[in-house]
Amino acid sequence: MNKWKLTIIGKGDHGAEPHSTIDATVIVSEFVRKISKYPEIDILSISSGNAFNVISGKAEVIIQTSYKDIIERIISSLLLYYGDKTSYKLVKW
């Protein structure tokens, strides 16, 4: 099995401006919910943001699996919903 680092980029901003953000934490939580039905994919860690008054524009997930294609399919479909202001990077870790 391989370990992968998935970085999700949204659009962060101050907590007083939620209408101008795309919360990467929400995207990563949806990703984890969707990926949890695949027993051959393990979520090892999740990190997102470090300030209480900032909506995070970046989230990272460490995943262990041999099925990179499933990861890419799920995250690609999620980011279609959030539009062209979002992106992801998947690298072997």
C-alpha atoms as a PDB file:
ATOM      1  CA  MET A   1       0.000   0.000   0.000  1.00  0.00           C
ATOM      2  CA  ASN A   2       1.092   3.539  -0.730  1.00  0.00           C
ATOM      3  CA  LYS A   3       0.683   6.675   1.341  1.00  0.00           C
ATOM      4  CA  TRP A   4      -0.683   9.765  -0.380  1.00  0.00           C
ATOM      5  CA  LYS A   5      -0.905  13.372   0.712  1.00  0.00           C
ATOM      6  CA  LEU A   6      -4.007  15.092  -0.641  1.00  0.00           C
ATOM      7  CA  THR A   7      -3.977  18.885  -0.415  1.00  0.00           C
ATOM      8  CA  ILE A   8      -7.267  20.648  -1.069  1.00  0.00           C
ATOM      9  CA  ILE A   9      -7.177  24.347  -1.883  1.00  0.00           C
ATOM     10  CA  GLY A  10     -10.303  26.446  -1.420  1.00  0.00           C
ATOM     11  CA  LYS A  11     -10.465  30.145  -0.662  1.00  0.00           C
ATOM     12  CA  GLY A  12      -9.860  31.201   2.917  1.00  0.00           C
ATOM     13  CA  ASP A  13     -10.692  34.516   4.555  1.00  0.00           C
ATOM     14  CA  HIS A  14     -11.560  36.097   7.872  1.00  0.00           C
ATOM     15  CA  GLY A  15     -14.459  34.543   9.737  1.00  0.00           C
ATOM     16  CA  ALA A  16     -16.440  37.772   9.320  1.00  0.00           C
ATOM     17  CA  GLU A  17     -16.464  37.238   5.536  1.00  0.00           C
ATOM     18  CA  PRO A  18     -17.808  33.674   5.094  1.00  0.00           C
ATOM     19  CA  HIS A  19     -19.690  34.613   1.926  1.00  0.00           C
ATOM     20  CA  SER A  20     -16.381  35.203   0.123  1.00  0.00           C
ATOM     21  CA  THR A  21     -14.811  31.860   1.042  1.00  0.00           C
ATOM     22  CA  ILE A  22     -14.722  28.256  -0.084  1.00  0.00           C
ATOM     23  CA  ASP A  23     -14.014  26.354   3.123  1.00  0.00           C
ATOM     24  CA  ALA A  24     -11.430  23.625   2.529  1.00  0.00           C
ATOM     25  CA  THR A  25     -12.409  22.033   5.853  1.00  0.00           C
ATOM     26  CA  VAL A  26     -15.929  21.407   4.566  1.00  0.00           C
ATOM     27  CA  ILE A  27     -14.564  19.932   1.339  1.00  0.00           C
ATOM     28  CA  VAL A  28     -12.197  17.596   3.185  1.00  0.00           C
ATOM     29  CA  SER A  29     -14.973  16.446   5.516  1.00  0.00           C
ATOM     30  CA  GLU A  30     -17.170  15.601   2.516  1.00  0.00           C
ATOM     31  CA  PHE A  31     -14.233  13.751   0.970  1.00  0.00           C
ATOM     32  CA  VAL A  32     -13.703  11.687   4.142  1.00  0.00           C
ATOM     33  CA  ARG A  33     -17.414  10.860   4.308  1.00  0.00           C
ATOM     34  CA  LYS A  34     -17.431   9.643   0.694  1.00  0.00           C
ATOM     35  CA  ILE A  35     -14.157   7.714   0.969  1.00  0.00           C
ATOM     36  CA  SER A  36     -15.225   5.934   4.180  1.00  0.00           C
ATOM     37  CA  LYS A  37     -17.307   3.406   2.235  1.00  0.00           C
ATOM     38  CA  TYR A  38     -14.117   1.941   0.734  1.00  0.00           C
ATOM     39  CA  PRO A  39     -12.523  -0.396   3.314  1.00  0.00           C
ATOM     40  CA  GLU A  40      -9.301  -0.581   1.287  1.00  0.00           C
ATOM     41  CA  ILE A  41      -8.665   3.156   1.823  1.00  0.00           C
ATOM     42  CA  ASP A  42      -7.410   4.353   5.215  1.00  0.00           C
ATOM     43  CA  ILE A  43      -7.425   7.959   6.416  1.00  0.00           C
ATOM     44  CA  LEU A  44      -4.297   8.421   8.544  1.00  0.00           C
ATOM     45  CA  SER A  45      -4.538  12.135   9.376  1.00  0.00           C
ATOM     46  CA  ILE A  46      -6.449  15.306   8.580  1.00  0.00           C
ATOM     47  CA  SER A  47      -5.298  18.884   9.134  1.00  0.00           C
ATOM     48  CA  SER A  48      -6.917  22.184   8.307  1.00  0.00           C
ATOM     49  CA  GLY A  49      -6.355  25.682   9.645  1.00  0.00           C
ATOM     50  CA  ASN A  50      -4.886  26.822  12.918  1.00  0.00           C
ATOM     51  CA  ALA A  51      -6.742  30.035  13.824  1.00  0.00           C
ATOM     52  CA  PHE A  52     -10.151  30.294  15.441  1.00  0.00           C
ATOM     53  CA  ASN A  53     -11.352  33.322  13.437  1.00  0.00           C
ATOM     54  CA  VAL A  54     -10.176  32.297   9.964  1.00  0.00           C
ATOM     55  CA  ILE A  55     -11.976  30.093   7.462  1.00  0.00           C
ATOM     56  CA  SER A  56      -9.348  27.721   6.170  1.00  0.00           C
ATOM     57  CA  GLY A  57      -8.412  27.843   2.517  1.00  0.00           C
ATOM     58  CA  LYS A  58      -6.254  24.719   2.697  1.00  0.00           C
ATOM     59  CA  ALA A  59      -6.754  21.233   4.097  1.00  0.00           C
ATOM     60  CA  GLU A  60      -4.546  18.145   3.971  1.00  0.00           C
ATOM     61  CA  VAL A  61      -5.324  14.465   4.295  1.00  0.00           C
ATOM     62  CA  ILE A  62      -2.834  11.601   4.537  1.00  0.00           C
ATOM     63  CA  ILE A  63      -4.289   8.481   2.946  1.00  0.00           C
ATOM     64  CA  GLN A  64      -3.030   4.917   2.709  1.00  0.00           C
ATOM     65  CA  THR A  65      -4.240   2.896  -0.266  1.00  0.00           C
ATOM     66  CA  SER A  66      -3.276   1.242  -3.511  1.00  0.00           C
ATOM     67  CA  TYR A  67      -6.278   2.814  -5.253  1.00  0.00           C
ATOM     68  CA  LYS A  68      -5.157   6.274  -6.333  1.00  0.00           C
ATOM     69  CA  ASP A  69      -7.834   6.345  -9.044  1.00  0.00           C
ATOM     70  CA  ILE A  70     -10.650   6.195  -6.477  1.00  0.00           C
ATOM     71  CA  ILE A  71      -9.167   9.139  -4.582  1.00  0.00           C
ATOM     72  CA  GLU A  72      -8.864  11.216  -7.748  1.00  0.00           C
ATOM     73  CA  ARG A  73     -12.363  10.350  -8.929  1.00  0.00           C
ATOM     74  CA  ILE A  74     -13.981  11.350  -5.639  1.00  0.00           C
ATOM     75  CA  ILE A  75     -12.060  14.587  -5.123  1.00  0.00           C
ATOM     76  CA  SER A  76     -12.549  15.622  -8.759  1.00  0.00           C
ATOM     77  CA  SER A  77     -16.307  15.178  -8.476  1.00  0.00           C
ATOM     78  CA  LEU A  78     -16.398  17.191  -5.244  1.00  0.00           C
ATOM     79  CA  LEU A  79     -14.410  20.055  -6.714  1.00  0.00           C
ATOM     80  CA  LEU A  80     -16.740  20.228  -9.725  1.00  0.00           C
ATOM     81  CA  TYR A  81     -19.442  21.264  -7.287  1.00  0.00           C
ATOM     82  CA  TYR A  82     -17.293  24.000  -5.718  1.00  0.00           C
ATOM     83  CA  GLY A  83     -16.181  25.486  -9.032  1.00  0.00           C
ATOM     84  CA  ASP A  84     -12.958  26.638 -10.619  1.00  0.00           C
ATOM     85  CA  LYS A  85     -11.703  28.476  -7.515  1.00  0.00           C
ATOM     86  CA  THR A  86     -10.777  25.146  -5.950  1.00  0.00           C
ATOM     87  CA  SER A  87      -7.984  22.711  -6.718  1.00  0.00           C
ATOM     88  CA  TYR A  88      -6.171  19.715  -5.324  1.00  0.00           C
ATOM     89  CA  LYS A  89      -2.752  18.151  -5.385  1.00  0.00           C
ATOM     90  CA  LEU A  90      -2.128  14.462  -4.762  1.00  0.00           C
ATOM     91  CA  VAL A  91       1.450  13.362  -4.146  1.00  0.00           C
ATOM     92  CA  LYS A  92       3.009  10.119  -2.986  1.00  0.00           C
ATOM     93  CA  TRP A  93       4.090  10.597   0.620  1.00  0.00           C
END
